[in-house]
């Protein structure tokens, strides 16, 4: 029987009970003049500090993701409409549509982050497809270049 198969609150309760009993025995042997109730309470207190060290919720496995570049988007397209378009191929983790820094108007391209298998299906289905009277260009996005890299290359 593995303790980790039970929910965290049950793990904590079982460990608290076990540590309280161990504390009762250990403190009872070192300080026999204390009452059993105090010994048990000290065991629980000790357990309260030690339980977080032994019980941890399971860490979800990292899902490999892919960021897709989506070009030739209509200027009237918003994050919600692009998300809806891509959600038919799987979970969409994020949608970022680029805007001009000065005017705030959309620039006609953006990025969609999805699990890798869903991203591949979306890329194959949506590249060169029609969306709001525009032909989309869907590609795997290139890695983002550091802005400092461009500033350090021979520029004072």
C-alpha atoms as a PDB file:
ATOM      1  CA  UNK A   1       0.000   0.000   0.000  1.00  0.00           C
ATOM      2  CA  UNK A   2       1.513   3.303  -1.117  1.00  0.00           C
ATOM      3  CA  UNK A   3       0.632   6.374   0.876  1.00  0.00           C
ATOM      4  CA  UNK A   4       1.040   8.572  -2.219  1.00  0.00           C
ATOM      5  CA  UNK A   5      -2.045   7.019  -3.862  1.00  0.00           C
ATOM      6  CA  UNK A   6      -4.311   8.729  -1.315  1.00  0.00           C
ATOM      7  CA  UNK A   7      -5.331  12.407  -1.374  1.00  0.00           C
ATOM      8  CA  UNK A   8      -2.986  14.817   0.399  1.00  0.00           C
ATOM      9  CA  UNK A   9      -5.416  15.457   3.280  1.00  0.00           C
ATOM     10  CA  UNK A  10      -5.559  11.722   4.083  1.00  0.00           C
ATOM     11  CA  UNK A  11      -1.773  11.464   3.839  1.00  0.00           C
ATOM     12  CA  UNK A  12      -1.474  14.391   6.235  1.00  0.00           C
ATOM     13  CA  UNK A  13      -3.956  12.917   8.728  1.00  0.00           C
ATOM     14  CA  UNK A  14      -2.242   9.527   8.745  1.00  0.00           C
ATOM     15  CA  UNK A  15       1.195  11.070   9.136  1.00  0.00           C
ATOM     16  CA  UNK A  16      -0.034  13.383  11.900  1.00  0.00           C
ATOM     17  CA  UNK A  17      -1.445  10.427  13.800  1.00  0.00           C
ATOM     18  CA  UNK A  18       1.741   8.412  13.308  1.00  0.00           C
ATOM     19  CA  UNK A  19       3.975  11.298  14.348  1.00  0.00           C
ATOM     20  CA  UNK A  20       1.768  12.042  17.360  1.00  0.00           C
ATOM     21  CA  UNK A  21       2.190   8.451  18.545  1.00  0.00           C
ATOM     22  CA  UNK A  22       5.947   8.545  17.909  1.00  0.00           C
ATOM     23  CA  UNK A  23       6.148  11.870  19.733  1.00  0.00           C
ATOM     24  CA  UNK A  24       4.134  10.402  22.607  1.00  0.00           C
ATOM     25  CA  UNK A  25       6.581   7.510  22.949  1.00  0.00           C
ATOM     26  CA  UNK A  26       9.798   9.514  22.440  1.00  0.00           C
ATOM     27  CA  UNK A  27       8.855  12.409  24.716  1.00  0.00           C
ATOM     28  CA  UNK A  28       7.377   9.950  27.240  1.00  0.00           C
ATOM     29  CA  UNK A  29      10.733   8.188  27.458  1.00  0.00           C
ATOM     30  CA  UNK A  30      12.715  11.416  27.840  1.00  0.00           C
ATOM     31  CA  UNK A  31      10.315  13.258  30.175  1.00  0.00           C
ATOM     32  CA  UNK A  32       8.152  10.685  32.000  1.00  0.00           C
ATOM     33  CA  UNK A  33       6.718  13.275  34.400  1.00  0.00           C
ATOM     34  CA  UNK A  34       4.507  14.896  31.683  1.00  0.00           C
ATOM     35  CA  UNK A  35       0.868  13.889  31.358  1.00  0.00           C
ATOM     36  CA  UNK A  36      -0.175  11.688  28.387  1.00  0.00           C
ATOM     37  CA  UNK A  37      -2.374  14.460  26.960  1.00  0.00           C
ATOM     38  CA  UNK A  38       0.561  16.889  26.847  1.00  0.00           C
ATOM     39  CA  UNK A  39       2.765  14.222  25.278  1.00  0.00           C
ATOM     40  CA  UNK A  40       0.184  13.551  22.589  1.00  0.00           C
ATOM     41  CA  UNK A  41      -0.258  17.318  21.969  1.00  0.00           C
ATOM     42  CA  UNK A  42       3.509  17.774  21.632  1.00  0.00           C
ATOM     43  CA  UNK A  43       3.563  14.881  19.163  1.00  0.00           C
ATOM     44  CA  UNK A  44       0.856  16.570  17.092  1.00  0.00           C
ATOM     45  CA  UNK A  45       2.734  19.867  17.197  1.00  0.00           C
ATOM     46  CA  UNK A  46       5.914  18.151  16.059  1.00  0.00           C
ATOM     47  CA  UNK A  47       3.917  16.426  13.310  1.00  0.00           C
ATOM     48  CA  UNK A  48       2.558  19.771  12.142  1.00  0.00           C
ATOM     49  CA  UNK A  49       6.089  20.895  11.369  1.00  0.00           C
ATOM     50  CA  UNK A  50       7.226  17.643   9.795  1.00  0.00           C
ATOM     51  CA  UNK A  51       4.203  16.699   7.666  1.00  0.00           C
ATOM     52  CA  UNK A  52       4.818  19.318   4.951  1.00  0.00           C
ATOM     53  CA  UNK A  53       8.233  17.763   4.440  1.00  0.00           C
ATOM     54  CA  UNK A  54       6.724  14.346   3.696  1.00  0.00           C
ATOM     55  CA  UNK A  55       3.524  15.171   1.811  1.00  0.00           C
ATOM     56  CA  UNK A  56       3.576  17.066  -1.421  1.00  0.00           C
ATOM     57  CA  UNK A  57       0.836  17.216  -4.029  1.00  0.00           C
ATOM     58  CA  UNK A  58       1.856  15.429  -7.214  1.00  0.00           C
ATOM     59  CA  UNK A  59       3.595  17.688  -9.718  1.00  0.00           C
ATOM     60  CA  UNK A  60       1.816  17.617 -13.068  1.00  0.00           C
ATOM     61  CA  UNK A  61       3.990  16.441 -15.916  1.00  0.00           C
ATOM     62  CA  UNK A  62       5.146  19.194 -18.213  1.00  0.00           C
ATOM     63  CA  UNK A  63       3.303  19.119 -21.512  1.00  0.00           C
ATOM     64  CA  UNK A  64       5.543  19.891 -24.492  1.00  0.00           C
ATOM     65  CA  UNK A  65       4.200  23.006 -26.172  1.00  0.00           C
ATOM     66  CA  UNK A  66       4.716  24.701 -29.505  1.00  0.00           C
ATOM     67  CA  UNK A  67       4.207  28.341 -30.352  1.00  0.00           C
ATOM     68  CA  UNK A  68       2.741  28.958 -33.780  1.00  0.00           C
ATOM     69  CA  UNK A  69       3.197  32.125 -35.829  1.00  0.00           C
ATOM     70  CA  UNK A  70      -0.100  33.134 -37.424  1.00  0.00           C
ATOM     71  CA  UNK A  71       0.320  35.639 -40.240  1.00  0.00           C
ATOM     72  CA  UNK A  72      -1.987  37.552 -42.573  1.00  0.00           C
ATOM     73  CA  UNK A  73      -4.655  37.872 -39.894  1.00  0.00           C
ATOM     74  CA  UNK A  74      -7.470  40.311 -40.602  1.00  0.00           C
ATOM     75  CA  UNK A  75      -7.056  43.521 -38.613  1.00  0.00           C
ATOM     76  CA  UNK A  76     -10.536  43.075 -37.124  1.00  0.00           C
ATOM     77  CA  UNK A  77      -9.641  39.628 -35.686  1.00  0.00           C
ATOM     78  CA  UNK A  78      -9.356  39.535 -31.908  1.00  0.00           C
ATOM     79  CA  UNK A  79      -7.856  37.079 -29.404  1.00  0.00           C
ATOM     80  CA  UNK A  80     -11.216  35.382 -28.795  1.00  0.00           C
ATOM     81  CA  UNK A  81     -11.901  34.672 -32.478  1.00  0.00           C
ATOM     82  CA  UNK A  82      -8.365  33.332 -33.044  1.00  0.00           C
ATOM     83  CA  UNK A  83      -8.631  31.195 -29.897  1.00  0.00           C
ATOM     84  CA  UNK A  84     -11.958  29.761 -31.110  1.00  0.00           C
ATOM     85  CA  UNK A  85     -10.434  28.942 -34.501  1.00  0.00           C
ATOM     86  CA  UNK A  86      -7.490  27.049 -32.969  1.00  0.00           C
ATOM     87  CA  UNK A  87      -9.445  25.355 -30.154  1.00  0.00           C
ATOM     88  CA  UNK A  88     -11.056  23.005 -32.648  1.00  0.00           C
ATOM     89  CA  UNK A  89      -7.625  21.294 -32.857  1.00  0.00           C
ATOM     90  CA  UNK A  90      -6.884  21.117 -29.113  1.00  0.00           C
ATOM     91  CA  UNK A  91      -6.240  23.153 -25.995  1.00  0.00           C
ATOM     92  CA  UNK A  92      -5.009  26.700 -26.578  1.00  0.00           C
ATOM     93  CA  UNK A  93      -2.680  27.893 -23.823  1.00  0.00           C
ATOM     94  CA  UNK A  94      -2.278  31.484 -24.998  1.00  0.00           C
ATOM     95  CA  UNK A  95      -3.044  33.847 -27.874  1.00  0.00           C
ATOM     96  CA  UNK A  96      -1.036  37.026 -28.453  1.00  0.00           C
ATOM     97  CA  UNK A  97      -1.929  39.365 -31.308  1.00  0.00           C
ATOM     98  CA  UNK A  98       0.713  41.991 -32.004  1.00  0.00           C
ATOM     99  CA  UNK A  99      -0.129  45.680 -31.979  1.00  0.00           C
ATOM    100  CA  UNK A 100       1.749  48.732 -33.200  1.00  0.00           C
ATOM    101  CA  UNK A 101       3.524  50.464 -30.297  1.00  0.00           C
ATOM    102  CA  UNK A 102       2.501  53.960 -31.376  1.00  0.00           C
ATOM    103  CA  UNK A 103      -1.019  53.571 -32.770  1.00  0.00           C
ATOM    104  CA  UNK A 104      -2.229  50.528 -30.817  1.00  0.00           C
ATOM    105  CA  UNK A 105      -3.693  49.028 -33.996  1.00  0.00           C
ATOM    106  CA  UNK A 106      -3.259  45.347 -34.736  1.00  0.00           C
ATOM    107  CA  UNK A 107      -0.402  44.474 -37.073  1.00  0.00           C
ATOM    108  CA  UNK A 108      -2.027  41.447 -38.742  1.00  0.00           C
ATOM    109  CA  UNK A 109      -0.064  38.661 -37.069  1.00  0.00           C
ATOM    110  CA  UNK A 110       0.167  36.906 -33.749  1.00  0.00           C
ATOM    111  CA  UNK A 111       1.221  33.828 -31.824  1.00  0.00           C
ATOM    112  CA  UNK A 112      -0.756  30.865 -30.513  1.00  0.00           C
ATOM    113  CA  UNK A 113       0.698  28.489 -27.911  1.00  0.00           C
ATOM    114  CA  UNK A 114      -0.659  24.928 -27.867  1.00  0.00           C
ATOM    115  CA  UNK A 115       0.430  21.405 -26.899  1.00  0.00           C
ATOM    116  CA  UNK A 116       2.805  20.160 -29.622  1.00  0.00           C
ATOM    117  CA  UNK A 117       0.537  17.481 -31.101  1.00  0.00           C
ATOM    118  CA  UNK A 118      -2.430  19.860 -31.322  1.00  0.00           C
ATOM    119  CA  UNK A 119      -0.202  22.597 -32.762  1.00  0.00           C
ATOM    120  CA  UNK A 120       0.985  20.303 -35.535  1.00  0.00           C
ATOM    121  CA  UNK A 121      -2.601  19.391 -36.441  1.00  0.00           C
ATOM    122  CA  UNK A 122      -3.649  23.050 -36.384  1.00  0.00           C
ATOM    123  CA  UNK A 123      -0.694  24.074 -38.546  1.00  0.00           C
ATOM    124  CA  UNK A 124      -1.451  21.439 -41.180  1.00  0.00           C
ATOM    125  CA  UNK A 125      -5.155  22.269 -41.279  1.00  0.00           C
ATOM    126  CA  UNK A 126      -5.045  26.067 -41.033  1.00  0.00           C
ATOM    127  CA  UNK A 127      -2.003  27.010 -43.137  1.00  0.00           C
ATOM    128  CA  UNK A 128      -3.245  28.514 -46.411  1.00  0.00           C
ATOM    129  CA  UNK A 129      -6.846  28.350 -45.148  1.00  0.00           C
ATOM    130  CA  UNK A 130      -9.391  31.149 -45.305  1.00  0.00           C
ATOM    131  CA  UNK A 131     -10.266  33.107 -42.132  1.00  0.00           C
ATOM    132  CA  UNK A 132     -12.483  36.210 -42.333  1.00  0.00           C
ATOM    133  CA  UNK A 133     -11.692  36.654 -46.050  1.00  0.00           C
ATOM    134  CA  UNK A 134      -7.901  36.361 -45.518  1.00  0.00           C
ATOM    135  CA  UNK A 135      -5.564  33.448 -46.316  1.00  0.00           C
ATOM    136  CA  UNK A 136      -3.700  32.541 -43.140  1.00  0.00           C
ATOM    137  CA  UNK A 137      -0.024  31.679 -42.927  1.00  0.00           C
ATOM    138  CA  UNK A 138       0.566  29.301 -40.000  1.00  0.00           C
ATOM    139  CA  UNK A 139       4.129  28.258 -39.179  1.00  0.00           C
ATOM    140  CA  UNK A 140       6.067  27.160 -36.130  1.00  0.00           C
ATOM    141  CA  UNK A 141       7.372  30.355 -34.530  1.00  0.00           C
ATOM    142  CA  UNK A 142      11.087  31.064 -34.407  1.00  0.00           C
ATOM    143  CA  UNK A 143      12.729  31.490 -31.027  1.00  0.00           C
ATOM    144  CA  UNK A 144      12.568  35.043 -29.746  1.00  0.00           C
ATOM    145  CA  UNK A 145      15.860  36.921 -30.163  1.00  0.00           C
ATOM    146  CA  UNK A 146      17.141  38.859 -27.171  1.00  0.00           C
ATOM    147  CA  UNK A 147      16.807  42.595 -27.649  1.00  0.00           C
ATOM    148  CA  UNK A 148      20.156  43.129 -25.937  1.00  0.00           C
ATOM    149  CA  UNK A 149      21.841  40.938 -28.554  1.00  0.00           C
ATOM    150  CA  UNK A 150      21.102  43.497 -31.263  1.00  0.00           C
ATOM    151  CA  UNK A 151      22.265  46.397 -29.088  1.00  0.00           C
ATOM    152  CA  UNK A 152      25.648  44.792 -28.278  1.00  0.00           C
ATOM    153  CA  UNK A 153      26.769  44.098 -31.829  1.00  0.00           C
ATOM    154  CA  UNK A 154      29.242  46.860 -32.594  1.00  0.00           C
ATOM    155  CA  UNK A 155      26.979  49.669 -31.492  1.00  0.00           C
ATOM    156  CA  UNK A 156      28.280  52.211 -28.973  1.00  0.00           C
END
